[in-house]
Amino acid sequence: QVQLVESGGGLVQPGGSLRLSCATSGFTLDRYAIGWFRQAPGKEREGVSCISSYDGSAYYANSVKGRFTISRDNAKNTVYLQMNTLKPEDTAVYYCAADPRITALQCAIISEDGYDYWGQGTQVTVSS
């Protein structure tokens, strides 16, 4: 069955970096769009980044553009989210999600609608 497992979260100082991993199993990675989402305490979940199944295009929320990079290693069945220049407002639980039916438009706007498969989340805390 489809499984997603996030890792790599932790406590980091402002300006620091973390790399999150989303280890996948049960499906062919490049046939699924993979999205990263986050939810801060008291806030709604928001889209962070998405990598398209169609052509591997990467999309980012404006709040992370230029600081975060999404990548996919098909051989390792893993998707990464490299997060640089972290800010306190990046503090949240980060989730990866997968679905083969996500359209290019849904990926581009990083909508969480339509994702059937979700990981359990990993906590990222940015604080001095």
Foldseek 3Di string as FASTA:
>chain_A
DKAWAKDFADEAAAQAKIKIKIAIDDDQQLLKKKWKWWDDPPDDIDTAKIADSPPRDIAGDPVQPPFWDWDADRVRNMIMIIGGRDDQVVWTWMKMFIDNPQDPVCRRRRDPPPTPYIHPTDTHGYHD
